[in-house]
Amino acid sequence: MAYVVADPCIQCKHTNCAAVCPVDAFREGPNFLVIDPLECIDCDACVAECPEEAIFPDDEVPLEWEDYITLNERLSAEWEEHLIAEVKEPLPEVDRWSGREHKREYLVESWDDLKAVK
């Protein structure tokens, strides 16, 4: 079992969870974090640190977000060089996005796509 970051993280990207991970399993994308399931040791340390309540054990991910299990797996491989293990400031508009639902359409999967938007 591994932990999974789901929809509430999009456009917020708090990093407290990554800072407490003892095995550096978090990867950082432009506006989202993921957990590498091959690195995660199921310690649960990250769950309490997430103010968005976006982290779940893979067997407890809410039905509406089950696709985030494979999304974390895929993006952790794509973002392999973007390991994050420290606290950074959340995204600038975190207050606007915190608590919102159905944010998947706003997920930026590629750092190149982010550069194109700016």
PDB file of N, CA and C in Angstrom:
ATOM      1  N   MET A   1       0.850  -1.181   0.000  1.00  0.00           N
ATOM      2  CA  MET A   1       0.000   0.000   0.000  1.00  0.00           C
ATOM      3  C   MET A   1       0.892   1.238   0.000  1.00  0.00           C
ATOM      4  N   ALA A   2       0.442   2.265  -0.685  1.00  0.00           N
ATOM      5  CA  ALA A   2       1.127   3.557  -0.702  1.00  0.00           C
ATOM      6  C   ALA A   2       0.089   4.639  -0.447  1.00  0.00           C
ATOM      7  N   TYR A   3       0.568   5.800  -0.161  1.00  0.00           N
ATOM      8  CA  TYR A   3      -0.326   6.942   0.005  1.00  0.00           C
ATOM      9  C   TYR A   3      -0.443   7.680  -1.314  1.00  0.00           C
ATOM     10  N   VAL A   4      -1.561   8.396  -1.465  1.00  0.00           N
ATOM     11  CA  VAL A   4      -1.911   9.051  -2.724  1.00  0.00           C
ATOM     12  C   VAL A   4      -2.336  10.487  -2.430  1.00  0.00           C
ATOM     13  N   VAL A   5      -1.857  11.414  -3.235  1.00  0.00           N
ATOM     14  CA  VAL A   5      -2.301  12.804  -3.166  1.00  0.00           C
ATOM     15  C   VAL A   5      -3.445  12.963  -4.160  1.00  0.00           C
ATOM     16  N   ALA A   6      -4.535  13.582  -3.713  1.00  0.00           N
ATOM     17  CA  ALA A   6      -5.738  13.700  -4.550  1.00  0.00           C
ATOM     18  C   ALA A   6      -6.090  15.165  -4.838  1.00  0.00           C
ATOM     19  N   ASP A   7      -7.222  15.339  -5.436  1.00  0.00           N
ATOM     20  CA  ASP A   7      -7.748  16.602  -5.963  1.00  0.00           C
ATOM     21  C   ASP A   7      -7.564  17.834  -5.065  1.00  0.00           C
ATOM     22  N   PRO A   8      -7.777  17.768  -3.759  1.00  0.00           N
ATOM     23  CA  PRO A   8      -7.684  18.999  -2.959  1.00  0.00           C
ATOM     24  C   PRO A   8      -6.329  19.703  -3.009  1.00  0.00           C
ATOM     25  N   CYS A   9      -5.272  18.995  -3.406  1.00  0.00           N
ATOM     26  CA  CYS A   9      -3.936  19.604  -3.471  1.00  0.00           C
ATOM     27  C   CYS A   9      -3.771  20.541  -4.666  1.00  0.00           C
ATOM     28  N   ILE A  10      -4.503  20.306  -5.720  1.00  0.00           N
ATOM     29  CA  ILE A  10      -4.332  21.090  -6.951  1.00  0.00           C
ATOM     30  C   ILE A  10      -4.545  22.570  -6.660  1.00  0.00           C
ATOM     31  N   GLN A  11      -3.614  23.376  -7.160  1.00  0.00           N
ATOM     32  CA  GLN A  11      -3.602  24.829  -7.043  1.00  0.00           C
ATOM     33  C   GLN A  11      -3.313  25.318  -5.621  1.00  0.00           C
ATOM     34  N   CYS A  12      -2.994  24.415  -4.712  1.00  0.00           N
ATOM     35  CA  CYS A  12      -2.634  24.811  -3.344  1.00  0.00           C
ATOM     36  C   CYS A  12      -1.161  24.499  -3.103  1.00  0.00           C
ATOM     37  N   LYS A  13      -0.811  23.227  -3.215  1.00  0.00           N
ATOM     38  CA  LYS A  13       0.551  22.728  -3.121  1.00  0.00           C
ATOM     39  C   LYS A  13       1.265  23.157  -1.831  1.00  0.00           C
ATOM     40  N   HIS A  14       0.651  22.815  -0.709  1.00  0.00           N
ATOM     41  CA  HIS A  14       1.362  22.947   0.563  1.00  0.00           C
ATOM     42  C   HIS A  14       2.466  21.891   0.553  1.00  0.00           C
ATOM     43  N   THR A  15       3.548  22.129   1.227  1.00  0.00           N
ATOM     44  CA  THR A  15       4.659  21.187   1.169  1.00  0.00           C
ATOM     45  C   THR A  15       5.055  20.637   2.540  1.00  0.00           C
ATOM     46  N   ASN A  16       4.277  20.920   3.555  1.00  0.00           N
ATOM     47  CA  ASN A  16       4.547  20.395   4.901  1.00  0.00           C
ATOM     48  C   ASN A  16       4.649  18.869   4.852  1.00  0.00           C
ATOM     49  N   CYS A  17       3.801  18.254   4.054  1.00  0.00           N
ATOM     50  CA  CYS A  17       3.771  16.794   3.927  1.00  0.00           C
ATOM     51  C   CYS A  17       5.098  16.265   3.407  1.00  0.00           C
ATOM     52  N   ALA A  18       5.650  16.913   2.419  1.00  0.00           N
ATOM     53  CA  ALA A  18       6.907  16.469   1.826  1.00  0.00           C
ATOM     54  C   ALA A  18       8.069  16.612   2.807  1.00  0.00           C
ATOM     55  N   ALA A  19       8.020  17.643   3.618  1.00  0.00           N
ATOM     56  CA  ALA A  19       9.108  17.899   4.566  1.00  0.00           C
ATOM     57  C   ALA A  19       9.206  16.831   5.655  1.00  0.00           C
ATOM     58  N   VAL A  20       8.089  16.195   5.988  1.00  0.00           N
ATOM     59  CA  VAL A  20       8.121  15.171   7.048  1.00  0.00           C
ATOM     60  C   VAL A  20       8.307  13.753   6.511  1.00  0.00           C
ATOM     61  N   CYS A  21       8.324  13.600   5.210  1.00  0.00           N
ATOM     62  CA  CYS A  21       8.472  12.264   4.619  1.00  0.00           C
ATOM     63  C   CYS A  21       9.888  11.732   4.873  1.00  0.00           C
ATOM     64  N   PRO A  22       9.998  10.605   5.572  1.00  0.00           N
ATOM     65  CA  PRO A  22      11.333  10.087   5.910  1.00  0.00           C
ATOM     66  C   PRO A  22      12.088   9.458   4.740  1.00  0.00           C
ATOM     67  N   VAL A  23      11.408   9.210   3.620  1.00  0.00           N
ATOM     68  CA  VAL A  23      12.065   8.544   2.491  1.00  0.00           C
ATOM     69  C   VAL A  23      12.043   9.379   1.212  1.00  0.00           C
ATOM     70  N   ASP A  24      11.672  10.637   1.302  1.00  0.00           N
ATOM     71  CA  ASP A  24      11.653  11.522   0.131  1.00  0.00           C
ATOM     72  C   ASP A  24      10.824  10.948  -1.018  1.00  0.00           C
ATOM     73  N   ALA A  25       9.577  10.573  -0.711  1.00  0.00           N
ATOM     74  CA  ALA A  25       8.701   9.974  -1.715  1.00  0.00           C
ATOM     75  C   ALA A  25       7.901  11.001  -2.518  1.00  0.00           C
ATOM     76  N   PHE A  26       7.948  12.271  -2.132  1.00  0.00           N
ATOM     77  CA  PHE A  26       7.150  13.288  -2.820  1.00  0.00           C
ATOM     78  C   PHE A  26       7.867  13.838  -4.041  1.00  0.00           C
ATOM     79  N   ARG A  27       7.079  14.099  -5.066  1.00  0.00           N
ATOM     80  CA  ARG A  27       7.546  14.756  -6.281  1.00  0.00           C
ATOM     81  C   ARG A  27       6.687  15.993  -6.491  1.00  0.00           C
ATOM     82  N   GLU A  28       7.319  17.034  -7.005  1.00  0.00           N
ATOM     83  CA  GLU A  28       6.646  18.319  -7.168  1.00  0.00           C
ATOM     84  C   GLU A  28       6.362  18.602  -8.630  1.00  0.00           C
ATOM     85  N   GLY A  29       5.105  18.950  -8.897  1.00  0.00           N
ATOM     86  CA  GLY A  29       4.728  19.420 -10.215  1.00  0.00           C
ATOM     87  C   GLY A  29       4.452  20.906 -10.139  1.00  0.00           C
ATOM     88  N   PRO A  30       4.062  21.503 -11.246  1.00  0.00           N
ATOM     89  CA  PRO A  30       3.824  22.940 -11.265  1.00  0.00           C
ATOM     90  C   PRO A  30       2.774  23.416 -10.266  1.00  0.00           C
ATOM     91  N   ASN A  31       1.692  22.646 -10.094  1.00  0.00           N
ATOM     92  CA  ASN A  31       0.655  23.090  -9.154  1.00  0.00           C
ATOM     93  C   ASN A  31       0.047  21.934  -8.367  1.00  0.00           C
ATOM     94  N   PHE A  32       0.863  20.910  -8.102  1.00  0.00           N
ATOM     95  CA  PHE A  32       0.366  19.689  -7.455  1.00  0.00           C
ATOM     96  C   PHE A  32       1.562  18.889  -6.961  1.00  0.00           C
ATOM     97  N   LEU A  33       1.359  18.097  -5.938  1.00  0.00           N
ATOM     98  CA  LEU A  33       2.365  17.153  -5.457  1.00  0.00           C
ATOM     99  C   LEU A  33       1.854  15.739  -5.669  1.00  0.00           C
ATOM    100  N   VAL A  34       2.761  14.808  -5.831  1.00  0.00           N
ATOM    101  CA  VAL A  34       2.396  13.391  -5.897  1.00  0.00           C
ATOM    102  C   VAL A  34       3.336  12.601  -5.001  1.00  0.00           C
ATOM    103  N   ILE A  35       2.923  11.378  -4.690  1.00  0.00           N
ATOM    104  CA  ILE A  35       3.741  10.466  -3.907  1.00  0.00           C
ATOM    105  C   ILE A  35       4.142   9.305  -4.810  1.00  0.00           C
ATOM    106  N   ASP A  36       5.432   9.034  -4.846  1.00  0.00           N
ATOM    107  CA  ASP A  36       5.938   7.913  -5.621  1.00  0.00           C
ATOM    108  C   ASP A  36       5.595   6.625  -4.866  1.00  0.00           C
ATOM    109  N   PRO A  37       4.730   5.781  -5.426  1.00  0.00           N
ATOM    110  CA  PRO A  37       4.314   4.577  -4.712  1.00  0.00           C
ATOM    111  C   PRO A  37       5.448   3.573  -4.496  1.00  0.00           C
ATOM    112  N   LEU A  38       6.506   3.675  -5.287  1.00  0.00           N
ATOM    113  CA  LEU A  38       7.635   2.765  -5.116  1.00  0.00           C
ATOM    114  C   LEU A  38       8.549   3.212  -3.977  1.00  0.00           C
ATOM    115  N   GLU A  39       8.461   4.468  -3.597  1.00  0.00           N
ATOM    116  CA  GLU A  39       9.278   5.010  -2.507  1.00  0.00           C
ATOM    117  C   GLU A  39       8.525   5.061  -1.177  1.00  0.00           C
ATOM    118  N   CYS A  40       7.217   5.226  -1.229  1.00  0.00           N
ATOM    119  CA  CYS A  40       6.392   5.381  -0.024  1.00  0.00           C
ATOM    120  C   CYS A  40       6.486   4.137   0.857  1.00  0.00           C
ATOM    121  N   ILE A  41       6.711   4.359   2.156  1.00  0.00           N
ATOM    122  CA  ILE A  41       6.810   3.243   3.103  1.00  0.00           C
ATOM    123  C   ILE A  41       5.569   3.162   4.000  1.00  0.00           C
ATOM    124  N   ASP A  42       4.524   3.851   3.642  1.00  0.00           N
ATOM    125  CA  ASP A  42       3.242   3.780   4.353  1.00  0.00           C
ATOM    126  C   ASP A  42       3.342   4.204   5.815  1.00  0.00           C
ATOM    127  N   CYS A  43       4.142   5.193   6.094  1.00  0.00           N
ATOM    128  CA  CYS A  43       4.361   5.575   7.491  1.00  0.00           C
ATOM    129  C   CYS A  43       3.257   6.482   8.037  1.00  0.00           C
ATOM    130  N   ASP A  44       2.492   7.131   7.158  1.00  0.00           N
ATOM    131  CA  ASP A  44       1.369   7.973   7.577  1.00  0.00           C
ATOM    132  C   ASP A  44       1.792   9.357   8.061  1.00  0.00           C
ATOM    133  N   ALA A  45       3.068   9.667   8.071  1.00  0.00           N
ATOM    134  CA  ALA A  45       3.534  10.955   8.597  1.00  0.00           C
ATOM    135  C   ALA A  45       2.970  12.141   7.817  1.00  0.00           C
ATOM    136  N   CYS A  46       2.779  11.990   6.537  1.00  0.00           N
ATOM    137  CA  CYS A  46       2.338  13.100   5.685  1.00  0.00           C
ATOM    138  C   CYS A  46       0.874  13.469   5.872  1.00  0.00           C
ATOM    139  N   VAL A  47       0.059  12.521   6.238  1.00  0.00           N
ATOM    140  CA  VAL A  47      -1.391  12.733   6.288  1.00  0.00           C
ATOM    141  C   VAL A  47      -1.766  13.878   7.221  1.00  0.00           C
ATOM    142  N   ALA A  48      -1.251  13.863   8.428  1.00  0.00           N
ATOM    143  CA  ALA A  48      -1.590  14.895   9.412  1.00  0.00           C
ATOM    144  C   ALA A  48      -1.040  16.269   9.038  1.00  0.00           C
ATOM    145  N   GLU A  49      -0.037  16.299   8.177  1.00  0.00           N
ATOM    146  CA  GLU A  49       0.594  17.564   7.793  1.00  0.00           C
ATOM    147  C   GLU A  49      -0.120  18.282   6.651  1.00  0.00           C
ATOM    148  N   CYS A  50      -1.067  17.633   6.018  1.00  0.00           N
ATOM    149  CA  CYS A  50      -1.742  18.216   4.852  1.00  0.00           C
ATOM    150  C   CYS A  50      -2.958  19.033   5.266  1.00  0.00           C
ATOM    151  N   PRO A  51      -2.886  20.351   5.168  1.00  0.00           N
ATOM    152  CA  PRO A  51      -4.031  21.178   5.564  1.00  0.00           C
ATOM    153  C   PRO A  51      -5.232  21.047   4.631  1.00  0.00           C
ATOM    154  N   GLU A  52      -5.026  20.503   3.445  1.00  0.00           N
ATOM    155  CA  GLU A  52      -6.122  20.327   2.488  1.00  0.00           C
ATOM    156  C   GLU A  52      -6.802  18.967   2.635  1.00  0.00           C
ATOM    157  N   GLU A  53      -6.254  18.108   3.487  1.00  0.00           N
ATOM    158  CA  GLU A  53      -6.768  16.738   3.658  1.00  0.00           C
ATOM    159  C   GLU A  53      -6.839  16.029   2.307  1.00  0.00           C
ATOM    160  N   ALA A  54      -5.718  16.090   1.588  1.00  0.00           N
ATOM    161  CA  ALA A  54      -5.643  15.564   0.227  1.00  0.00           C
ATOM    162  C   ALA A  54      -4.920  14.233   0.122  1.00  0.00           C
ATOM    163  N   ILE A  55      -4.440  13.678   1.239  1.00  0.00           N
ATOM    164  CA  ILE A  55      -3.623  12.471   1.188  1.00  0.00           C
ATOM    165  C   ILE A  55      -4.371  11.293   1.807  1.00  0.00           C
ATOM    166  N   PHE A  56      -4.384  10.178   1.064  1.00  0.00           N
ATOM    167  CA  PHE A  56      -5.132   8.989   1.473  1.00  0.00           C
ATOM    168  C   PHE A  56      -4.301   7.732   1.239  1.00  0.00           C
ATOM    169  N   PRO A  57      -4.507   6.704   2.078  1.00  0.00           N
ATOM    170  CA  PRO A  57      -3.949   5.395   1.719  1.00  0.00           C
ATOM    171  C   PRO A  57      -4.602   4.948   0.410  1.00  0.00           C
ATOM    172  N   ASP A  58      -3.869   4.261  -0.438  1.00  0.00           N
ATOM    173  CA  ASP A  58      -4.426   3.935  -1.756  1.00  0.00           C
ATOM    174  C   ASP A  58      -5.683   3.075  -1.692  1.00  0.00           C
ATOM    175  N   ASP A  59      -5.892   2.353  -0.600  1.00  0.00           N
ATOM    176  CA  ASP A  59      -7.122   1.561  -0.488  1.00  0.00           C
ATOM    177  C   ASP A  59      -8.262   2.320   0.187  1.00  0.00           C
ATOM    178  N   GLU A  60      -8.041   3.608   0.482  1.00  0.00           N
ATOM    179  CA  GLU A  60      -9.083   4.442   1.080  1.00  0.00           C
ATOM    180  C   GLU A  60      -9.350   5.725   0.295  1.00  0.00           C
ATOM    181  N   VAL A  61      -8.815   5.806  -0.910  1.00  0.00           N
ATOM    182  CA  VAL A  61      -9.061   6.985  -1.744  1.00  0.00           C
ATOM    183  C   VAL A  61     -10.548   7.035  -2.070  1.00  0.00           C
ATOM    184  N   PRO A  62     -11.195   8.183  -1.864  1.00  0.00           N
ATOM    185  CA  PRO A  62     -12.615   8.274  -2.205  1.00  0.00           C
ATOM    186  C   PRO A  62     -12.864   7.871  -3.664  1.00  0.00           C
ATOM    187  N   LEU A  63     -13.975   7.216  -3.894  1.00  0.00           N
ATOM    188  CA  LEU A  63     -14.315   6.689  -5.214  1.00  0.00           C
ATOM    189  C   LEU A  63     -14.143   7.728  -6.319  1.00  0.00           C
ATOM    190  N   GLU A  64     -14.575   8.954  -6.064  1.00  0.00           N
ATOM    191  CA  GLU A  64     -14.498   9.998  -7.092  1.00  0.00           C
ATOM    192  C   GLU A  64     -13.061  10.352  -7.475  1.00  0.00           C
ATOM    193  N   TRP A  65     -12.089   9.963  -6.647  1.00  0.00           N
ATOM    194  CA  TRP A  65     -10.688  10.295  -6.901  1.00  0.00           C
ATOM    195  C   TRP A  65      -9.819   9.071  -7.123  1.00  0.00           C
ATOM    196  N   GLU A  66     -10.398   7.919  -7.373  1.00  0.00           N
ATOM    197  CA  GLU A  66      -9.599   6.703  -7.560  1.00  0.00           C
ATOM    198  C   GLU A  66      -8.581   6.815  -8.690  1.00  0.00           C
ATOM    199  N   ASP A  67      -8.884   7.627  -9.705  1.00  0.00           N
ATOM    200  CA  ASP A  67      -7.939   7.793 -10.803  1.00  0.00           C
ATOM    201  C   ASP A  67      -6.647   8.485 -10.363  1.00  0.00           C
ATOM    202  N   TYR A  68      -6.656   9.098  -9.186  1.00  0.00           N
ATOM    203  CA  TYR A  68      -5.445   9.725  -8.667  1.00  0.00           C
ATOM    204  C   TYR A  68      -4.405   8.681  -8.256  1.00  0.00           C
ATOM    205  N   ILE A  69      -4.813   7.456  -8.053  1.00  0.00           N
ATOM    206  CA  ILE A  69      -3.858   6.395  -7.730  1.00  0.00           C
ATOM    207  C   ILE A  69      -2.904   6.221  -8.910  1.00  0.00           C
ATOM    208  N   THR A  70      -3.449   6.046 -10.098  1.00  0.00           N
ATOM    209  CA  THR A  70      -2.594   5.885 -11.282  1.00  0.00           C
ATOM    210  C   THR A  70      -1.945   7.213 -11.674  1.00  0.00           C
ATOM    211  N   LEU A  71      -2.614   8.323 -11.404  1.00  0.00           N
ATOM    212  CA  LEU A  71      -2.033   9.628 -11.700  1.00  0.00           C
ATOM    213  C   LEU A  71      -0.769   9.855 -10.864  1.00  0.00           C
ATOM    214  N   ASN A  72      -0.816   9.525  -9.568  1.00  0.00           N
ATOM    215  CA  ASN A  72       0.375   9.661  -8.722  1.00  0.00           C
ATOM    216  C   ASN A  72       1.503   8.784  -9.247  1.00  0.00           C
ATOM    217  N   GLU A  73       1.170   7.565  -9.646  1.00  0.00           N
ATOM    218  CA  GLU A  73       2.179   6.656 -10.172  1.00  0.00           C
ATOM    219  C   GLU A  73       2.822   7.215 -11.438  1.00  0.00           C
ATOM    220  N   ARG A  74       1.999   7.671 -12.365  1.00  0.00           N
ATOM    221  CA  ARG A  74       2.509   8.184 -13.644  1.00  0.00           C
ATOM    222  C   ARG A  74       3.312   9.465 -13.463  1.00  0.00           C
ATOM    223  N   LEU A  75       2.743  10.420 -12.708  1.00  0.00           N
ATOM    224  CA  LEU A  75       3.427  11.699 -12.564  1.00  0.00           C
ATOM    225  C   LEU A  75       4.681  11.594 -11.701  1.00  0.00           C
ATOM    226  N   SER A  76       4.695  10.684 -10.747  1.00  0.00           N
ATOM    227  CA  SER A  76       5.922  10.534  -9.951  1.00  0.00           C
ATOM    228  C   SER A  76       7.075  10.074 -10.840  1.00  0.00           C
ATOM    229  N   ALA A  77       6.782   9.277 -11.846  1.00  0.00           N
ATOM    230  CA  ALA A  77       7.814   8.865 -12.799  1.00  0.00           C
ATOM    231  C   ALA A  77       8.207  10.036 -13.702  1.00  0.00           C
ATOM    232  N   GLU A  78       7.230  10.784 -14.178  1.00  0.00           N
ATOM    233  CA  GLU A  78       7.511  11.922 -15.059  1.00  0.00           C
ATOM    234  C   GLU A  78       8.237  13.052 -14.324  1.00  0.00           C
ATOM    235  N   TRP A  79       7.927  13.222 -13.049  1.00  0.00           N
ATOM    236  CA  TRP A  79       8.527  14.299 -12.249  1.00  0.00           C
ATOM    237  C   TRP A  79       9.668  13.781 -11.380  1.00  0.00           C
ATOM    238  N   GLU A  80      10.254  12.675 -11.735  1.00  0.00           N
ATOM    239  CA  GLU A  80      11.278  12.031 -10.913  1.00  0.00           C
ATOM    240  C   GLU A  80      12.382  12.997 -10.486  1.00  0.00           C
ATOM    241  N   GLU A  81      12.770  13.893 -11.364  1.00  0.00           N
ATOM    242  CA  GLU A  81      13.850  14.831 -11.039  1.00  0.00           C
ATOM    243  C   GLU A  81      13.381  16.003 -10.168  1.00  0.00           C
ATOM    244  N   HIS A  82      12.097  16.049  -9.861  1.00  0.00           N
ATOM    245  CA  HIS A  82      11.541  17.138  -9.043  1.00  0.00           C
ATOM    246  C   HIS A  82      11.209  16.653  -7.638  1.00  0.00           C
ATOM    247  N   LEU A  83      12.141  15.973  -7.026  1.00  0.00           N
ATOM    248  CA  LEU A  83      11.977  15.517  -5.658  1.00  0.00           C
ATOM    249  C   LEU A  83      11.816  16.745  -4.754  1.00  0.00           C
ATOM    250  N   ILE A  84      10.910  16.656  -3.798  1.00  0.00           N
ATOM    251  CA  ILE A  84      10.739  17.738  -2.838  1.00  0.00           C
ATOM    252  C   ILE A  84      10.748  17.153  -1.434  1.00  0.00           C
ATOM    253  N   ALA A  85      11.564  17.750  -0.582  1.00  0.00           N
ATOM    254  CA  ALA A  85      11.702  17.259   0.786  1.00  0.00           C
ATOM    255  C   ALA A  85      11.836  18.417   1.766  1.00  0.00           C
ATOM    256  N   GLU A  86      11.323  19.579   1.370  1.00  0.00           N
ATOM    257  CA  GLU A  86      11.418  20.760   2.221  1.00  0.00           C
ATOM    258  C   GLU A  86      10.134  21.567   2.143  1.00  0.00           C
ATOM    259  N   VAL A  87       9.948  22.409   3.127  1.00  0.00           N
ATOM    260  CA  VAL A  87       8.776  23.282   3.130  1.00  0.00           C
ATOM    261  C   VAL A  87       9.043  24.466   2.205  1.00  0.00           C
ATOM    262  N   LYS A  88       8.094  24.721   1.338  1.00  0.00           N
ATOM    263  CA  LYS A  88       8.106  25.898   0.467  1.00  0.00           C
ATOM    264  C   LYS A  88       6.787  26.622   0.697  1.00  0.00           C
ATOM    265  N   GLU A  89       6.723  27.828   0.254  1.00  0.00           N
ATOM    266  CA  GLU A  89       5.469  28.567   0.327  1.00  0.00           C
ATOM    267  C   GLU A  89       4.433  27.888  -0.565  1.00  0.00           C
ATOM    268  N   PRO A  90       3.161  27.837  -0.119  1.00  0.00           N
ATOM    269  CA  PRO A  90       2.127  27.307  -1.025  1.00  0.00           C
ATOM    270  C   PRO A  90       1.971  28.240  -2.223  1.00  0.00           C
ATOM    271  N   LEU A  91       1.194  27.824  -3.169  1.00  0.00           N
ATOM    272  CA  LEU A  91       0.989  28.652  -4.359  1.00  0.00           C
ATOM    273  C   LEU A  91       0.357  29.995  -3.978  1.00  0.00           C
ATOM    274  N   PRO A  92       0.624  31.033  -4.751  1.00  0.00           N
ATOM    275  CA  PRO A  92       0.172  32.383  -4.391  1.00  0.00           C
ATOM    276  C   PRO A  92      -1.334  32.538  -4.167  1.00  0.00           C
ATOM    277  N   GLU A  93      -2.138  31.803  -4.894  1.00  0.00           N
ATOM    278  CA  GLU A  93      -3.590  31.959  -4.769  1.00  0.00           C
ATOM    279  C   GLU A  93      -4.205  30.830  -3.941  1.00  0.00           C
ATOM    280  N   VAL A  94      -3.451  30.302  -2.989  1.00  0.00           N
ATOM    281  CA  VAL A  94      -3.922  29.177  -2.185  1.00  0.00           C
ATOM    282  C   VAL A  94      -5.240  29.491  -1.481  1.00  0.00           C
ATOM    283  N   ASP A  95      -5.419  30.704  -1.005  1.00  0.00           N
ATOM    284  CA  ASP A  95      -6.658  31.041  -0.302  1.00  0.00           C
ATOM    285  C   ASP A  95      -7.873  30.955  -1.220  1.00  0.00           C
ATOM    286  N   ARG A  96      -7.684  31.276  -2.469  1.00  0.00           N
ATOM    287  CA  ARG A  96      -8.772  31.203  -3.451  1.00  0.00           C
ATOM    288  C   ARG A  96      -9.136  29.754  -3.774  1.00  0.00           C
ATOM    289  N   TRP A  97      -8.147  28.862  -3.767  1.00  0.00           N
ATOM    290  CA  TRP A  97      -8.350  27.481  -4.190  1.00  0.00           C
ATOM    291  C   TRP A  97      -8.609  26.505  -3.055  1.00  0.00           C
ATOM    292  N   SER A  98      -8.185  26.837  -1.857  1.00  0.00           N
ATOM    293  CA  SER A  98      -8.339  25.934  -0.721  1.00  0.00           C
ATOM    294  C   SER A  98      -9.814  25.634  -0.465  1.00  0.00           C
ATOM    295  N   GLY A  99     -10.123  24.360  -0.340  1.00  0.00           N
ATOM    296  CA  GLY A  99     -11.496  23.953  -0.062  1.00  0.00           C
ATOM    297  C   GLY A  99     -12.388  23.805  -1.285  1.00  0.00           C
ATOM    298  N   ARG A 100     -11.906  24.218  -2.446  1.00  0.00           N
ATOM    299  CA  ARG A 100     -12.702  24.049  -3.669  1.00  0.00           C
ATOM    300  C   ARG A 100     -12.693  22.596  -4.102  1.00  0.00           C
ATOM    301  N   GLU A 101     -13.731  22.207  -4.788  1.00  0.00           N
ATOM    302  CA  GLU A 101     -13.842  20.840  -5.287  1.00  0.00           C
ATOM    303  C   GLU A 101     -13.714  20.812  -6.799  1.00  0.00           C
ATOM    304  N   HIS A 102     -13.470  19.624  -7.320  1.00  0.00           N
ATOM    305  CA  HIS A 102     -13.429  19.378  -8.769  1.00  0.00           C
ATOM    306  C   HIS A 102     -12.386  20.262  -9.461  1.00  0.00           C
ATOM    307  N   LYS A 103     -11.143  20.118  -9.042  1.00  0.00           N
ATOM    308  CA  LYS A 103     -10.070  20.955  -9.577  1.00  0.00           C
ATOM    309  C   LYS A 103      -9.214  20.246 -10.629  1.00  0.00           C
ATOM    310  N   ARG A 104      -9.541  19.031 -10.971  1.00  0.00           N
ATOM    311  CA  ARG A 104      -8.696  18.234 -11.877  1.00  0.00           C
ATOM    312  C   ARG A 104      -8.396  18.966 -13.189  1.00  0.00           C
ATOM    313  N   GLU A 105      -9.362  19.678 -13.716  1.00  0.00           N
ATOM    314  CA  GLU A 105      -9.142  20.363 -14.993  1.00  0.00           C
ATOM    315  C   GLU A 105      -8.053  21.431 -14.907  1.00  0.00           C
ATOM    316  N   TYR A 106      -7.696  21.833 -13.700  1.00  0.00           N
ATOM    317  CA  TYR A 106      -6.677  22.861 -13.500  1.00  0.00           C
ATOM    318  C   TYR A 106      -5.289  22.279 -13.248  1.00  0.00           C
ATOM    319  N   LEU A 107      -5.184  20.961 -13.202  1.00  0.00           N
ATOM    320  CA  LEU A 107      -3.902  20.320 -12.973  1.00  0.00           C
ATOM    321  C   LEU A 107      -2.973  20.565 -14.160  1.00  0.00           C
ATOM    322  N   VAL A 108      -1.802  21.106 -13.877  1.00  0.00           N
ATOM    323  CA  VAL A 108      -0.771  21.306 -14.893  1.00  0.00           C
ATOM    324  C   VAL A 108       0.220  20.162 -14.729  1.00  0.00           C
ATOM    325  N   GLU A 109       0.282  19.288 -15.714  1.00  0.00           N
ATOM    326  CA  GLU A 109       1.101  18.083 -15.606  1.00  0.00           C
ATOM    327  C   GLU A 109       2.538  18.279 -16.049  1.00  0.00           C
ATOM    328  N   SER A 110       2.807  19.281 -16.825  1.00  0.00           N
ATOM    329  CA  SER A 110       4.149  19.451 -17.372  1.00  0.00           C
ATOM    330  C   SER A 110       4.715  20.809 -16.989  1.00  0.00           C
ATOM    331  N   TRP A 111       5.973  20.808 -16.586  1.00  0.00           N
ATOM    332  CA  TRP A 111       6.638  22.086 -16.303  1.00  0.00           C
ATOM    333  C   TRP A 111       6.710  22.908 -17.589  1.00  0.00           C
ATOM    334  N   ASP A 112       6.815  22.265 -18.741  1.00  0.00           N
ATOM    335  CA  ASP A 112       6.835  22.984 -20.007  1.00  0.00           C
ATOM    336  C   ASP A 112       5.501  23.680 -20.275  1.00  0.00           C
ATOM    337  N   ASP A 113       4.382  23.013 -19.894  1.00  0.00           N
ATOM    338  CA  ASP A 113       3.081  23.641 -20.078  1.00  0.00           C
ATOM    339  C   ASP A 113       2.952  24.883 -19.208  1.00  0.00           C
ATOM    340  N   LEU A 114       3.516  24.863 -18.027  1.00  0.00           N
ATOM    341  CA  LEU A 114       3.468  26.016 -17.140  1.00  0.00           C
ATOM    342  C   LEU A 114       4.214  27.190 -17.763  1.00  0.00           C
ATOM    343  N   LYS A 115       5.364  26.922 -18.360  1.00  0.00           N
ATOM    344  CA  LYS A 115       6.139  27.974 -18.992  1.00  0.00           C
ATOM    345  C   LYS A 115       5.372  28.580 -20.166  1.00  0.00           C
ATOM    346  N   ALA A 116       4.621  27.749 -20.884  1.00  0.00           N
ATOM    347  CA  ALA A 116       3.846  28.224 -22.027  1.00  0.00           C
ATOM    348  C   ALA A 116       2.698  29.117 -21.593  1.00  0.00           C
ATOM    349  N   VAL A 117       2.155  28.890 -20.385  1.00  0.00           N
ATOM    350  CA  VAL A 117       1.028  29.671 -19.879  1.00  0.00           C
ATOM    351  C   VAL A 117       1.485  31.062 -19.465  1.00  0.00           C
ATOM    352  N   LYS A 118       2.713  31.163 -18.971  1.00  0.00           N
ATOM    353  CA  LYS A 118       3.208  32.453 -18.455  1.00  0.00           C
ATOM    354  C   LYS A 118       3.509  33.435 -19.550  1.00  0.00           C
TER     355      LYS A 118
END
